[in-house]
Amino acid sequence: QVQLVESGGGLVQTGGSLRLSCAASGVFSSINRMGWYRQTPGNQRELVAVITSGGNTNYADSMKGRFTISRDNAKNTVVYLQMNSLKPEDTGVYYCKADWQRSIIERELGSWGQGTQVTVSS
């Protein structure tokens, strides 16, 4: 099983920045993708950004240009989300997700972190 621990959430004013971190641990042969999702008040959980083991990234349209996902190249198990130009509508709980395999012959599994609160004040 893979465990994910997120950190870096908090309260920030409109236009400010935050950097979220997510560290994966456990027993696995590979982590194929790590990503960030968020759940804003009254809405379903949605994709923010994802990065593959090969370094390819994908962003939700509303986050492009403001958010950047990256990983620690020395540790493929740590991923970051740099959030700039934050808006009140970015307020929500941000979750880290990892898609991983216990071995190369087993199916891919997904694990979620506990979430970290991001609040943007107007």
PDB file of N, CA and C in Angstrom:
ATOM      1  N   GLN A   1       0.843  -1.191   0.000  1.00  0.00           N
ATOM      2  CA  GLN A   1       0.000   0.000   0.000  1.00  0.00           C
ATOM      3  C   GLN A   1       0.879   1.241   0.000  1.00  0.00           C
ATOM      4  N   VAL A   2       0.380   2.290  -0.640  1.00  0.00           N
ATOM      5  CA  VAL A   2       1.083   3.565  -0.676  1.00  0.00           C
ATOM      6  C   VAL A   2       0.361   4.550   0.221  1.00  0.00           C
ATOM      7  N   GLN A   3       1.113   5.207   1.071  1.00  0.00           N
ATOM      8  CA  GLN A   3       0.563   6.264   1.915  1.00  0.00           C
ATOM      9  C   GLN A   3       1.046   7.610   1.405  1.00  0.00           C
ATOM     10  N   LEU A   4       0.177   8.597   1.449  1.00  0.00           N
ATOM     11  CA  LEU A   4       0.491   9.939   0.969  1.00  0.00           C
ATOM     12  C   LEU A   4       0.279  10.934   2.100  1.00  0.00           C
ATOM     13  N   VAL A   5       1.233  11.819   2.267  1.00  0.00           N
ATOM     14  CA  VAL A   5       1.137  12.860   3.285  1.00  0.00           C
ATOM     15  C   VAL A   5       1.300  14.204   2.598  1.00  0.00           C
ATOM     16  N   GLU A   6       0.280  15.035   2.725  1.00  0.00           N
ATOM     17  CA  GLU A   6       0.296  16.365   2.113  1.00  0.00           C
ATOM     18  C   GLU A   6       0.636  17.408   3.166  1.00  0.00           C
ATOM     19  N   SER A   7       1.189  18.503   2.703  1.00  0.00           N
ATOM     20  CA  SER A   7       1.462  19.637   3.583  1.00  0.00           C
ATOM     21  C   SER A   7       1.491  20.904   2.743  1.00  0.00           C
ATOM     22  N   GLY A   8       1.421  22.044   3.427  1.00  0.00           N
ATOM     23  CA  GLY A   8       1.586  23.324   2.752  1.00  0.00           C
ATOM     24  C   GLY A   8       0.327  24.138   2.585  1.00  0.00           C
ATOM     25  N   GLY A   9      -0.820  23.595   2.951  1.00  0.00           N
ATOM     26  CA  GLY A   9      -2.029  24.387   2.846  1.00  0.00           C
ATOM     27  C   GLY A   9      -2.048  25.502   3.875  1.00  0.00           C
ATOM     28  N   GLY A  10      -3.053  26.370   3.746  1.00  0.00           N
ATOM     29  CA  GLY A  10      -3.175  27.459   4.699  1.00  0.00           C
ATOM     30  C   GLY A  10      -4.061  28.555   4.188  1.00  0.00           C
ATOM     31  N   LEU A  11      -3.946  29.707   4.840  1.00  0.00           N
ATOM     32  CA  LEU A  11      -4.739  30.886   4.504  1.00  0.00           C
ATOM     33  C   LEU A  11      -3.856  31.893   3.795  1.00  0.00           C
ATOM     34  N   VAL A  12      -4.344  32.414   2.674  1.00  0.00           N
ATOM     35  CA  VAL A  12      -3.585  33.385   1.903  1.00  0.00           C
ATOM     36  C   VAL A  12      -4.557  34.402   1.319  1.00  0.00           C
ATOM     37  N   GLN A  13      -4.071  35.589   1.062  1.00  0.00           N
ATOM     38  CA  GLN A  13      -4.911  36.619   0.462  1.00  0.00           C
ATOM     39  C   GLN A  13      -4.985  36.449  -1.059  1.00  0.00           C
ATOM     40  N   THR A  14      -5.986  37.029  -1.656  1.00  0.00           N
ATOM     41  CA  THR A  14      -6.121  37.011  -3.109  1.00  0.00           C
ATOM     42  C   THR A  14      -4.841  37.544  -3.755  1.00  0.00           C
ATOM     43  N   GLY A  15      -4.387  36.804  -4.770  1.00  0.00           N
ATOM     44  CA  GLY A  15      -3.157  37.174  -5.449  1.00  0.00           C
ATOM     45  C   GLY A  15      -1.916  36.555  -4.858  1.00  0.00           C
ATOM     46  N   GLY A  16      -2.062  35.918  -3.713  1.00  0.00           N
ATOM     47  CA  GLY A  16      -0.922  35.312  -3.048  1.00  0.00           C
ATOM     48  C   GLY A  16      -0.563  33.953  -3.616  1.00  0.00           C
ATOM     49  N   SER A  17       0.425  33.322  -2.982  1.00  0.00           N
ATOM     50  CA  SER A  17       0.941  32.037  -3.440  1.00  0.00           C
ATOM     51  C   SER A  17       1.029  31.044  -2.298  1.00  0.00           C
ATOM     52  N   LEU A  18       0.921  29.785  -2.652  1.00  0.00           N
ATOM     53  CA  LEU A  18       1.143  28.689  -1.714  1.00  0.00           C
ATOM     54  C   LEU A  18       1.836  27.563  -2.467  1.00  0.00           C
ATOM     55  N   ARG A  19       2.591  26.769  -1.733  1.00  0.00           N
ATOM     56  CA  ARG A  19       3.230  25.605  -2.314  1.00  0.00           C
ATOM     57  C   ARG A  19       2.829  24.379  -1.505  1.00  0.00           C
ATOM     58  N   LEU A  20       2.188  23.451  -2.167  1.00  0.00           N
ATOM     59  CA  LEU A  20       1.791  22.201  -1.523  1.00  0.00           C
ATOM     60  C   LEU A  20       2.830  21.124  -1.811  1.00  0.00           C
ATOM     61  N   SER A  21       3.008  20.240  -0.857  1.00  0.00           N
ATOM     62  CA  SER A  21       3.917  19.110  -1.016  1.00  0.00           C
ATOM     63  C   SER A  21       3.176  17.820  -0.719  1.00  0.00           C
ATOM     64  N   CYS A  22       3.597  16.757  -1.373  1.00  0.00           N
ATOM     65  CA  CYS A  22       3.015  15.440  -1.132  1.00  0.00           C
ATOM     66  C   CYS A  22       4.128  14.412  -1.203  1.00  0.00           C
ATOM     67  N   ALA A  23       4.252  13.632  -0.154  1.00  0.00           N
ATOM     68  CA  ALA A  23       5.281  12.598  -0.102  1.00  0.00           C
ATOM     69  C   ALA A  23       4.628  11.230  -0.023  1.00  0.00           C
ATOM     70  N   ALA A  24       5.082  10.327  -0.875  1.00  0.00           N
ATOM     71  CA  ALA A  24       4.555   8.969  -0.903  1.00  0.00           C
ATOM     72  C   ALA A  24       5.523   8.021  -0.211  1.00  0.00           C
ATOM     73  N   SER A  25       4.961   7.058   0.481  1.00  0.00           N
ATOM     74  CA  SER A  25       5.774   6.030   1.113  1.00  0.00           C
ATOM     75  C   SER A  25       5.015   4.709   1.055  1.00  0.00           C
ATOM     76  N   GLY A  26       5.741   3.624   1.268  1.00  0.00           N
ATOM     77  CA  GLY A  26       5.115   2.312   1.259  1.00  0.00           C
ATOM     78  C   GLY A  26       5.883   1.332   0.406  1.00  0.00           C
ATOM     79  N   VAL A  27       5.216   0.251   0.093  1.00  0.00           N
ATOM     80  CA  VAL A  27       5.834  -0.811  -0.694  1.00  0.00           C
ATOM     81  C   VAL A  27       5.199  -0.819  -2.079  1.00  0.00           C
ATOM     82  N   PHE A  28       6.017  -0.585  -3.095  1.00  0.00           N
ATOM     83  CA  PHE A  28       5.509  -0.546  -4.464  1.00  0.00           C
ATOM     84  C   PHE A  28       6.676  -0.725  -5.409  1.00  0.00           C
ATOM     85  N   SER A  29       6.383  -1.125  -6.633  1.00  0.00           N
ATOM     86  CA  SER A  29       7.444  -1.248  -7.622  1.00  0.00           C
ATOM     87  C   SER A  29       7.537   0.007  -8.467  1.00  0.00           C
ATOM     88  N   SER A  30       6.420   0.715  -8.616  1.00  0.00           N
ATOM     89  CA  SER A  30       6.451   1.945  -9.410  1.00  0.00           C
ATOM     90  C   SER A  30       5.282   2.838  -9.036  1.00  0.00           C
ATOM     91  N   ILE A  31       5.524   4.121  -9.129  1.00  0.00           N
ATOM     92  CA  ILE A  31       4.448   5.121  -9.072  1.00  0.00           C
ATOM     93  C   ILE A  31       4.364   5.717 -10.462  1.00  0.00           C
ATOM     94  N   ASN A  32       3.275   5.475 -11.139  1.00  0.00           N
ATOM     95  CA  ASN A  32       3.156   5.867 -12.546  1.00  0.00           C
ATOM     96  C   ASN A  32       2.771   7.330 -12.715  1.00  0.00           C
ATOM     97  N   ARG A  33       1.945   7.811 -11.818  1.00  0.00           N
ATOM     98  CA  ARG A  33       1.484   9.213 -11.859  1.00  0.00           C
ATOM     99  C   ARG A  33       1.240   9.698 -10.445  1.00  0.00           C
ATOM    100  N   MET A  34       1.483  10.954 -10.245  1.00  0.00           N
ATOM    101  CA  MET A  34       1.061  11.630  -9.020  1.00  0.00           C
ATOM    102  C   MET A  34       0.364  12.907  -9.435  1.00  0.00           C
ATOM    103  N   GLY A  35      -0.667  13.240  -8.707  1.00  0.00           N
ATOM    104  CA  GLY A  35      -1.412  14.423  -9.102  1.00  0.00           C
ATOM    105  C   GLY A  35      -2.096  15.087  -7.938  1.00  0.00           C
ATOM    106  N   TRP A  36      -2.645  16.247  -8.235  1.00  0.00           N
ATOM    107  CA  TRP A  36      -3.401  17.019  -7.263  1.00  0.00           C
ATOM    108  C   TRP A  36      -4.831  17.184  -7.758  1.00  0.00           C
ATOM    109  N   TYR A  37      -5.748  16.994  -6.849  1.00  0.00           N
ATOM    110  CA  TYR A  37      -7.164  17.211  -7.102  1.00  0.00           C
ATOM    111  C   TYR A  37      -7.669  18.154  -6.025  1.00  0.00           C
ATOM    112  N   ARG A  38      -8.808  18.767  -6.265  1.00  0.00           N
ATOM    113  CA  ARG A  38      -9.363  19.629  -5.236  1.00  0.00           C
ATOM    114  C   ARG A  38     -10.879  19.492  -5.194  1.00  0.00           C
ATOM    115  N   GLN A  39     -11.407  19.777  -4.035  1.00  0.00           N
ATOM    116  CA  GLN A  39     -12.850  19.813  -3.866  1.00  0.00           C
ATOM    117  C   GLN A  39     -13.204  21.168  -3.272  1.00  0.00           C
ATOM    118  N   THR A  40     -13.832  21.995  -4.064  1.00  0.00           N
ATOM    119  CA  THR A  40     -14.265  23.309  -3.612  1.00  0.00           C
ATOM    120  C   THR A  40     -15.692  23.210  -3.093  1.00  0.00           C
ATOM    121  N   PRO A  41     -16.102  24.140  -2.241  1.00  0.00           N
ATOM    122  CA  PRO A  41     -17.433  24.059  -1.620  1.00  0.00           C
ATOM    123  C   PRO A  41     -18.552  23.910  -2.638  1.00  0.00           C
ATOM    124  N   GLY A  42     -19.378  22.888  -2.432  1.00  0.00           N
ATOM    125  CA  GLY A  42     -20.528  22.658  -3.295  1.00  0.00           C
ATOM    126  C   GLY A  42     -20.224  21.958  -4.601  1.00  0.00           C
ATOM    127  N   ASN A  43     -18.971  21.575  -4.798  1.00  0.00           N
ATOM    128  CA  ASN A  43     -18.576  20.952  -6.068  1.00  0.00           C
ATOM    129  C   ASN A  43     -17.958  19.582  -5.846  1.00  0.00           C
ATOM    130  N   GLN A  44     -17.896  18.813  -6.933  1.00  0.00           N
ATOM    131  CA  GLN A  44     -17.250  17.510  -6.857  1.00  0.00           C
ATOM    132  C   GLN A  44     -15.734  17.686  -6.939  1.00  0.00           C
ATOM    133  N   ARG A  45     -15.041  16.641  -6.547  1.00  0.00           N
ATOM    134  CA  ARG A  45     -13.589  16.656  -6.640  1.00  0.00           C
ATOM    135  C   ARG A  45     -13.189  16.741  -8.108  1.00  0.00           C
ATOM    136  N   GLU A  46     -12.207  17.600  -8.397  1.00  0.00           N
ATOM    137  CA  GLU A  46     -11.777  17.813  -9.766  1.00  0.00           C
ATOM    138  C   GLU A  46     -10.262  17.771  -9.880  1.00  0.00           C
ATOM    139  N   LEU A  47      -9.812  17.450 -11.088  1.00  0.00           N
ATOM    140  CA  LEU A  47      -8.386  17.419 -11.358  1.00  0.00           C
ATOM    141  C   LEU A  47      -7.820  18.832 -11.331  1.00  0.00           C
ATOM    142  N   VAL A  48      -6.656  18.964 -10.703  1.00  0.00           N
ATOM    143  CA  VAL A  48      -5.901  20.208 -10.769  1.00  0.00           C
ATOM    144  C   VAL A  48      -4.734  20.026 -11.734  1.00  0.00           C
ATOM    145  N   ALA A  49      -3.888  19.038 -11.445  1.00  0.00           N
ATOM    146  CA  ALA A  49      -2.722  18.796 -12.287  1.00  0.00           C
ATOM    147  C   ALA A  49      -2.186  17.406 -11.986  1.00  0.00           C
ATOM    148  N   VAL A  50      -1.531  16.817 -12.965  1.00  0.00           N
ATOM    149  CA  VAL A  50      -0.944  15.496 -12.790  1.00  0.00           C
ATOM    150  C   VAL A  50       0.411  15.465 -13.481  1.00  0.00           C
ATOM    151  N   ILE A  51       1.333  14.681 -12.937  1.00  0.00           N
ATOM    152  CA  ILE A  51       2.644  14.499 -13.535  1.00  0.00           C
ATOM    153  C   ILE A  51       2.948  13.016 -13.594  1.00  0.00           C
ATOM    154  N   THR A  52       3.446  12.562 -14.736  1.00  0.00           N
ATOM    155  CA  THR A  52       3.737  11.147 -14.893  1.00  0.00           C
ATOM    156  C   THR A  52       5.171  10.852 -14.461  1.00  0.00           C
ATOM    157  N   SER A  53       5.479   9.571 -14.384  1.00  0.00           N
ATOM    158  CA  SER A  53       6.832   9.175 -14.017  1.00  0.00           C
ATOM    159  C   SER A  53       7.836   9.636 -15.061  1.00  0.00           C
ATOM    160  N   GLY A  54       7.362   9.877 -16.273  1.00  0.00           N
ATOM    161  CA  GLY A  54       8.238  10.370 -17.325  1.00  0.00           C
ATOM    162  C   GLY A  54       8.358  11.874 -17.343  1.00  0.00           C
ATOM    163  N   GLY A  55       7.622  12.543 -16.457  1.00  0.00           N
ATOM    164  CA  GLY A  55       7.724  13.999 -16.349  1.00  0.00           C
ATOM    165  C   GLY A  55       6.685  14.761 -17.160  1.00  0.00           C
ATOM    166  N   ASN A  56       5.798  14.058 -17.834  1.00  0.00           N
ATOM    167  CA  ASN A  56       4.751  14.746 -18.577  1.00  0.00           C
ATOM    168  C   ASN A  56       3.714  15.307 -17.616  1.00  0.00           C
ATOM    169  N   THR A  57       3.208  16.490 -17.924  1.00  0.00           N
ATOM    170  CA  THR A  57       2.249  17.144 -17.049  1.00  0.00           C
ATOM    171  C   THR A  57       0.946  17.448 -17.788  1.00  0.00           C
ATOM    172  N   ASN A  58      -0.094  17.541 -16.997  1.00  0.00           N
ATOM    173  CA  ASN A  58      -1.405  17.895 -17.543  1.00  0.00           C
ATOM    174  C   ASN A  58      -2.117  18.741 -16.500  1.00  0.00           C
ATOM    175  N   TYR A  59      -2.782  19.802 -16.959  1.00  0.00           N
ATOM    176  CA  TYR A  59      -3.445  20.725 -16.054  1.00  0.00           C
ATOM    177  C   TYR A  59      -4.907  20.920 -16.457  1.00  0.00           C
ATOM    178  N   ALA A  60      -5.732  21.197 -15.462  1.00  0.00           N
ATOM    179  CA  ALA A  60      -7.074  21.665 -15.760  1.00  0.00           C
ATOM    180  C   ALA A  60      -6.943  23.051 -16.389  1.00  0.00           C
ATOM    181  N   ASP A  61      -7.837  23.359 -17.312  1.00  0.00           N
ATOM    182  CA  ASP A  61      -7.715  24.614 -18.055  1.00  0.00           C
ATOM    183  C   ASP A  61      -7.677  25.833 -17.133  1.00  0.00           C
ATOM    184  N   SER A  62      -8.472  25.818 -16.084  1.00  0.00           N
ATOM    185  CA  SER A  62      -8.571  27.000 -15.216  1.00  0.00           C
ATOM    186  C   SER A  62      -7.313  27.212 -14.385  1.00  0.00           C
ATOM    187  N   MET A  63      -6.435  26.208 -14.316  1.00  0.00           N
ATOM    188  CA  MET A  63      -5.217  26.314 -13.531  1.00  0.00           C
ATOM    189  C   MET A  63      -3.979  26.615 -14.387  1.00  0.00           C
ATOM    190  N   LYS A  64      -4.115  26.447 -15.690  1.00  0.00           N
ATOM    191  CA  LYS A  64      -2.955  26.658 -16.550  1.00  0.00           C
ATOM    192  C   LYS A  64      -2.439  28.084 -16.412  1.00  0.00           C
ATOM    193  N   GLY A  65      -1.131  28.210 -16.288  1.00  0.00           N
ATOM    194  CA  GLY A  65      -0.515  29.524 -16.163  1.00  0.00           C
ATOM    195  C   GLY A  65      -0.429  30.030 -14.742  1.00  0.00           C
ATOM    196  N   ARG A  66      -1.220  29.466 -13.835  1.00  0.00           N
ATOM    197  CA  ARG A  66      -1.167  29.898 -12.440  1.00  0.00           C
ATOM    198  C   ARG A  66      -0.550  28.833 -11.541  1.00  0.00           C
ATOM    199  N   PHE A  67      -0.834  27.574 -11.855  1.00  0.00           N
ATOM    200  CA  PHE A  67      -0.351  26.464 -11.026  1.00  0.00           C
ATOM    201  C   PHE A  67       0.736  25.694 -11.778  1.00  0.00           C
ATOM    202  N   THR A  68       1.707  25.199 -11.025  1.00  0.00           N
ATOM    203  CA  THR A  68       2.762  24.383 -11.622  1.00  0.00           C
ATOM    204  C   THR A  68       2.987  23.151 -10.767  1.00  0.00           C
ATOM    205  N   ILE A  69       2.900  21.985 -11.403  1.00  0.00           N
ATOM    206  CA  ILE A  69       3.188  20.740 -10.702  1.00  0.00           C
ATOM    207  C   ILE A  69       4.611  20.326 -11.034  1.00  0.00           C
ATOM    208  N   SER A  70       5.311  19.836 -10.045  1.00  0.00           N
ATOM    209  CA  SER A  70       6.680  19.388 -10.269  1.00  0.00           C
ATOM    210  C   SER A  70       6.977  18.266  -9.286  1.00  0.00           C
ATOM    211  N   ARG A  71       8.099  17.634  -9.482  1.00  0.00           N
ATOM    212  CA  ARG A  71       8.482  16.563  -8.570  1.00  0.00           C
ATOM    213  C   ARG A  71       9.942  16.703  -8.198  1.00  0.00           C
ATOM    214  N   ASP A  72      10.292  16.075  -7.116  1.00  0.00           N
ATOM    215  CA  ASP A  72      11.688  16.029  -6.684  1.00  0.00           C
ATOM    216  C   ASP A  72      12.373  14.966  -7.523  1.00  0.00           C
ATOM    217  N   ASN A  73      13.277  15.373  -8.385  1.00  0.00           N
ATOM    218  CA  ASN A  73      13.902  14.409  -9.302  1.00  0.00           C
ATOM    219  C   ASN A  73      14.752  13.373  -8.577  1.00  0.00           C
ATOM    220  N   ALA A  74      15.222  13.748  -7.400  1.00  0.00           N
ATOM    221  CA  ALA A  74      16.018  12.788  -6.635  1.00  0.00           C
ATOM    222  C   ALA A  74      15.121  11.749  -5.977  1.00  0.00           C
ATOM    223  N   LYS A  75      13.879  12.159  -5.738  1.00  0.00           N
ATOM    224  CA  LYS A  75      12.913  11.261  -5.112  1.00  0.00           C
ATOM    225  C   LYS A  75      11.650  11.311  -5.940  1.00  0.00           C
ATOM    226  N   ASN A  76      11.418  10.325  -6.725  1.00  0.00           N
ATOM    227  CA  ASN A  76      10.208  10.294  -7.544  1.00  0.00           C
ATOM    228  C   ASN A  76       8.950  10.161  -6.724  1.00  0.00           C
ATOM    229  N   THR A  77       9.098  10.160  -5.424  1.00  0.00           N
ATOM    230  CA  THR A  77       7.962   9.975  -4.537  1.00  0.00           C
ATOM    231  C   THR A  77       7.485  11.269  -3.914  1.00  0.00           C
ATOM    232  N   VAL A  78       8.039  12.399  -4.311  1.00  0.00           N
ATOM    233  CA  VAL A  78       7.631  13.692  -3.766  1.00  0.00           C
ATOM    234  C   VAL A  78       7.174  14.586  -4.914  1.00  0.00           C
ATOM    235  N   VAL A  79       6.001  15.164  -4.765  1.00  0.00           N
ATOM    236  CA  VAL A  79       5.462  16.042  -5.795  1.00  0.00           C
ATOM    237  C   VAL A  79       5.020  17.340  -5.143  1.00  0.00           C
ATOM    238  N   TYR A  80       5.129  18.422  -5.901  1.00  0.00           N
ATOM    239  CA  TYR A  80       4.788  19.743  -5.405  1.00  0.00           C
ATOM    240  C   TYR A  80       3.718  20.387  -6.298  1.00  0.00           C
ATOM    241  N   LEU A  81       2.992  21.312  -5.726  1.00  0.00           N
ATOM    242  CA  LEU A  81       2.073  22.130  -6.501  1.00  0.00           C
ATOM    243  C   LEU A  81       2.308  23.583  -6.097  1.00  0.00           C
ATOM    244  N   GLN A  82       2.895  24.340  -6.994  1.00  0.00           N
ATOM    245  CA  GLN A  82       3.099  25.774  -6.770  1.00  0.00           C
ATOM    246  C   GLN A  82       1.872  26.499  -7.295  1.00  0.00           C
ATOM    247  N   MET A  83       1.219  27.228  -6.412  1.00  0.00           N
ATOM    248  CA  MET A  83      -0.008  27.928  -6.780  1.00  0.00           C
ATOM    249  C   MET A  83       0.214  29.426  -6.647  1.00  0.00           C
ATOM    250  N   ASN A  84       0.101  30.128  -7.755  1.00  0.00           N
ATOM    251  CA  ASN A  84       0.285  31.575  -7.786  1.00  0.00           C
ATOM    252  C   ASN A  84      -1.006  32.262  -8.190  1.00  0.00           C
ATOM    253  N   SER A  85      -1.066  33.561  -7.942  1.00  0.00           N
ATOM    254  CA  SER A  85      -2.239  34.356  -8.328  1.00  0.00           C
ATOM    255  C   SER A  85      -3.527  33.704  -7.843  1.00  0.00           C
ATOM    256  N   LEU A  86      -3.528  33.327  -6.586  1.00  0.00           N
ATOM    257  CA  LEU A  86      -4.680  32.612  -6.042  1.00  0.00           C
ATOM    258  C   LEU A  86      -5.899  33.509  -5.957  1.00  0.00           C
ATOM    259  N   LYS A  87      -7.049  32.864  -6.159  1.00  0.00           N
ATOM    260  CA  LYS A  87      -8.334  33.550  -6.158  1.00  0.00           C
ATOM    261  C   LYS A  87      -9.230  32.927  -5.090  1.00  0.00           C
ATOM    262  N   PRO A  88     -10.214  33.658  -4.615  1.00  0.00           N
ATOM    263  CA  PRO A  88     -11.131  33.063  -3.618  1.00  0.00           C
ATOM    264  C   PRO A  88     -11.773  31.765  -4.109  1.00  0.00           C
ATOM    265  N   GLU A  89     -12.015  31.647  -5.392  1.00  0.00           N
ATOM    266  CA  GLU A  89     -12.624  30.408  -5.912  1.00  0.00           C
ATOM    267  C   GLU A  89     -11.670  29.217  -5.915  1.00  0.00           C
ATOM    268  N   ASP A  90     -10.414  29.445  -5.588  1.00  0.00           N
ATOM    269  CA  ASP A  90      -9.474  28.331  -5.422  1.00  0.00           C
ATOM    270  C   ASP A  90      -9.584  27.708  -4.035  1.00  0.00           C
ATOM    271  N   THR A  91     -10.379  28.322  -3.169  1.00  0.00           N
ATOM    272  CA  THR A  91     -10.553  27.796  -1.820  1.00  0.00           C
ATOM    273  C   THR A  91     -11.149  26.397  -1.864  1.00  0.00           C
ATOM    274  N   GLY A  92     -10.542  25.491  -1.101  1.00  0.00           N
ATOM    275  CA  GLY A  92     -11.045  24.131  -1.044  1.00  0.00           C
ATOM    276  C   GLY A  92     -10.050  23.210  -0.385  1.00  0.00           C
ATOM    277  N   VAL A  93     -10.362  21.934  -0.417  1.00  0.00           N
ATOM    278  CA  VAL A  93      -9.450  20.916   0.096  1.00  0.00           C
ATOM    279  C   VAL A  93      -8.703  20.307  -1.094  1.00  0.00           C
ATOM    280  N   TYR A  94      -7.410  20.300  -0.998  1.00  0.00           N
ATOM    281  CA  TYR A  94      -6.548  19.794  -2.064  1.00  0.00           C
ATOM    282  C   TYR A  94      -6.020  18.418  -1.662  1.00  0.00           C
ATOM    283  N   TYR A  95      -6.215  17.469  -2.569  1.00  0.00           N
ATOM    284  CA  TYR A  95      -5.837  16.081  -2.317  1.00  0.00           C
ATOM    285  C   TYR A  95      -4.735  15.647  -3.269  1.00  0.00           C
ATOM    286  N   CYS A  96      -3.815  14.886  -2.748  1.00  0.00           N
ATOM    287  CA  CYS A  96      -2.782  14.259  -3.562  1.00  0.00           C
ATOM    288  C   CYS A  96      -3.231  12.844  -3.902  1.00  0.00           C
ATOM    289  N   LYS A  97      -2.931  12.417  -5.105  1.00  0.00           N
ATOM    290  CA  LYS A  97      -3.269  11.055  -5.529  1.00  0.00           C
ATOM    291  C   LYS A  97      -2.071  10.429  -6.225  1.00  0.00           C
ATOM    292  N   ALA A  98      -1.862   9.171  -5.957  1.00  0.00           N
ATOM    293  CA  ALA A  98      -0.804   8.420  -6.634  1.00  0.00           C
ATOM    294  C   ALA A  98      -1.395   7.189  -7.293  1.00  0.00           C
ATOM    295  N   ASP A  99      -0.994   6.926  -8.518  1.00  0.00           N
ATOM    296  CA  ASP A  99      -1.359   5.706  -9.238  1.00  0.00           C
ATOM    297  C   ASP A  99      -0.109   4.836  -9.297  1.00  0.00           C
ATOM    298  N   TRP A 100      -0.189   3.655  -8.731  1.00  0.00           N
ATOM    299  CA  TRP A 100       1.019   2.862  -8.504  1.00  0.00           C
ATOM    300  C   TRP A 100       0.744   1.392  -8.730  1.00  0.00           C
ATOM    301  N   GLN A 101       1.836   0.646  -8.798  1.00  0.00           N
ATOM    302  CA  GLN A 101       1.756  -0.808  -8.952  1.00  0.00           C
ATOM    303  C   GLN A 101       2.621  -1.484  -7.910  1.00  0.00           C
ATOM    304  N   ARG A 102       2.106  -2.564  -7.374  1.00  0.00           N
ATOM    305  CA  ARG A 102       2.881  -3.346  -6.406  1.00  0.00           C
ATOM    306  C   ARG A 102       3.986  -4.110  -7.128  1.00  0.00           C
ATOM    307  N   SER A 103       3.693  -4.565  -8.333  1.00  0.00           N
ATOM    308  CA  SER A 103       4.692  -5.209  -9.178  1.00  0.00           C
ATOM    309  C   SER A 103       4.272  -4.962 -10.628  1.00  0.00           C
ATOM    310  N   ILE A 104       5.181  -5.224 -11.562  1.00  0.00           N
ATOM    311  CA  ILE A 104       4.887  -4.896 -12.956  1.00  0.00           C
ATOM    312  C   ILE A 104       3.798  -5.770 -13.541  1.00  0.00           C
ATOM    313  N   ILE A 105       3.479  -6.872 -12.895  1.00  0.00           N
ATOM    314  CA  ILE A 105       2.447  -7.753 -13.435  1.00  0.00           C
ATOM    315  C   ILE A 105       1.098  -7.525 -12.779  1.00  0.00           C
ATOM    316  N   GLU A 106       1.050  -6.665 -11.779  1.00  0.00           N
ATOM    317  CA  GLU A 106      -0.208  -6.411 -11.089  1.00  0.00           C
ATOM    318  C   GLU A 106      -0.872  -5.148 -11.636  1.00  0.00           C
ATOM    319  N   ARG A 107      -2.165  -5.052 -11.434  1.00  0.00           N
ATOM    320  CA  ARG A 107      -2.898  -3.905 -11.961  1.00  0.00           C
ATOM    321  C   ARG A 107      -2.553  -2.640 -11.176  1.00  0.00           C
ATOM    322  N   GLU A 108      -2.820  -1.532 -11.808  1.00  0.00           N
ATOM    323  CA  GLU A 108      -2.549  -0.242 -11.183  1.00  0.00           C
ATOM    324  C   GLU A 108      -3.580   0.045 -10.101  1.00  0.00           C
ATOM    325  N   LEU A 109      -3.113   0.602  -9.012  1.00  0.00           N
ATOM    326  CA  LEU A 109      -3.969   0.980  -7.889  1.00  0.00           C
ATOM    327  C   LEU A 109      -3.838   2.476  -7.644  1.00  0.00           C
ATOM    328  N   GLY A 110      -4.804   3.031  -6.943  1.00  0.00           N
ATOM    329  CA  GLY A 110      -4.763   4.447  -6.609  1.00  0.00           C
ATOM    330  C   GLY A 110      -4.846   4.661  -5.113  1.00  0.00           C
ATOM    331  N   SER A 111      -4.095   5.629  -4.632  1.00  0.00           N
ATOM    332  CA  SER A 111      -4.142   5.999  -3.223  1.00  0.00           C
ATOM    333  C   SER A 111      -4.328   7.503  -3.112  1.00  0.00           C
ATOM    334  N   TRP A 112      -5.050   7.912  -2.084  1.00  0.00           N
ATOM    335  CA  TRP A 112      -5.324   9.330  -1.847  1.00  0.00           C
ATOM    336  C   TRP A 112      -4.717   9.767  -0.520  1.00  0.00           C
ATOM    337  N   GLY A 113      -4.310  11.026  -0.482  1.00  0.00           N
ATOM    338  CA  GLY A 113      -3.906  11.619   0.776  1.00  0.00           C
ATOM    339  C   GLY A 113      -5.124  12.092   1.543  1.00  0.00           C
ATOM    340  N   GLN A 114      -4.878  12.614   2.730  1.00  0.00           N
ATOM    341  CA  GLN A 114      -5.975  13.025   3.599  1.00  0.00           C
ATOM    342  C   GLN A 114      -6.519  14.400   3.242  1.00  0.00           C
ATOM    343  N   GLY A 115      -5.803  15.130   2.419  1.00  0.00           N
ATOM    344  CA  GLY A 115      -6.247  16.453   2.001  1.00  0.00           C
ATOM    345  C   GLY A 115      -5.651  17.555   2.854  1.00  0.00           C
ATOM    346  N   THR A 116      -5.472  18.712   2.232  1.00  0.00           N
ATOM    347  CA  THR A 116      -4.978  19.882   2.943  1.00  0.00           C
ATOM    348  C   THR A 116      -5.833  21.078   2.535  1.00  0.00           C
ATOM    349  N   GLN A 117      -6.215  21.871   3.518  1.00  0.00           N
ATOM    350  CA  GLN A 117      -7.134  22.986   3.269  1.00  0.00           C
ATOM    351  C   GLN A 117      -6.371  24.195   2.730  1.00  0.00           C
ATOM    352  N   VAL A 118      -6.916  24.756   1.662  1.00  0.00           N
ATOM    353  CA  VAL A 118      -6.416  26.012   1.104  1.00  0.00           C
ATOM    354  C   VAL A 118      -7.561  27.016   1.162  1.00  0.00           C
ATOM    355  N   THR A 119      -7.303  28.146   1.796  1.00  0.00           N
ATOM    356  CA  THR A 119      -8.319  29.186   1.909  1.00  0.00           C
ATOM    357  C   THR A 119      -7.753  30.490   1.366  1.00  0.00           C
ATOM    358  N   VAL A 120      -8.443  31.063   0.399  1.00  0.00           N
ATOM    359  CA  VAL A 120      -8.008  32.324  -0.207  1.00  0.00           C
ATOM    360  C   VAL A 120      -9.023  33.395   0.179  1.00  0.00           C
ATOM    361  N   SER A 121      -8.563  34.384   0.908  1.00  0.00           N
ATOM    362  CA  SER A 121      -9.454  35.445   1.361  1.00  0.00           C
ATOM    363  C   SER A 121      -9.490  36.585   0.343  1.00  0.00           C
ATOM    364  N   SER A 122     -10.638  37.206   0.260  1.00  0.00           N
ATOM    365  CA  SER A 122     -10.804  38.303  -0.706  1.00  0.00           C
ATOM    366  C   SER A 122     -10.456  39.638  -0.079  1.00  0.00           C
TER     367      SER A 122
END
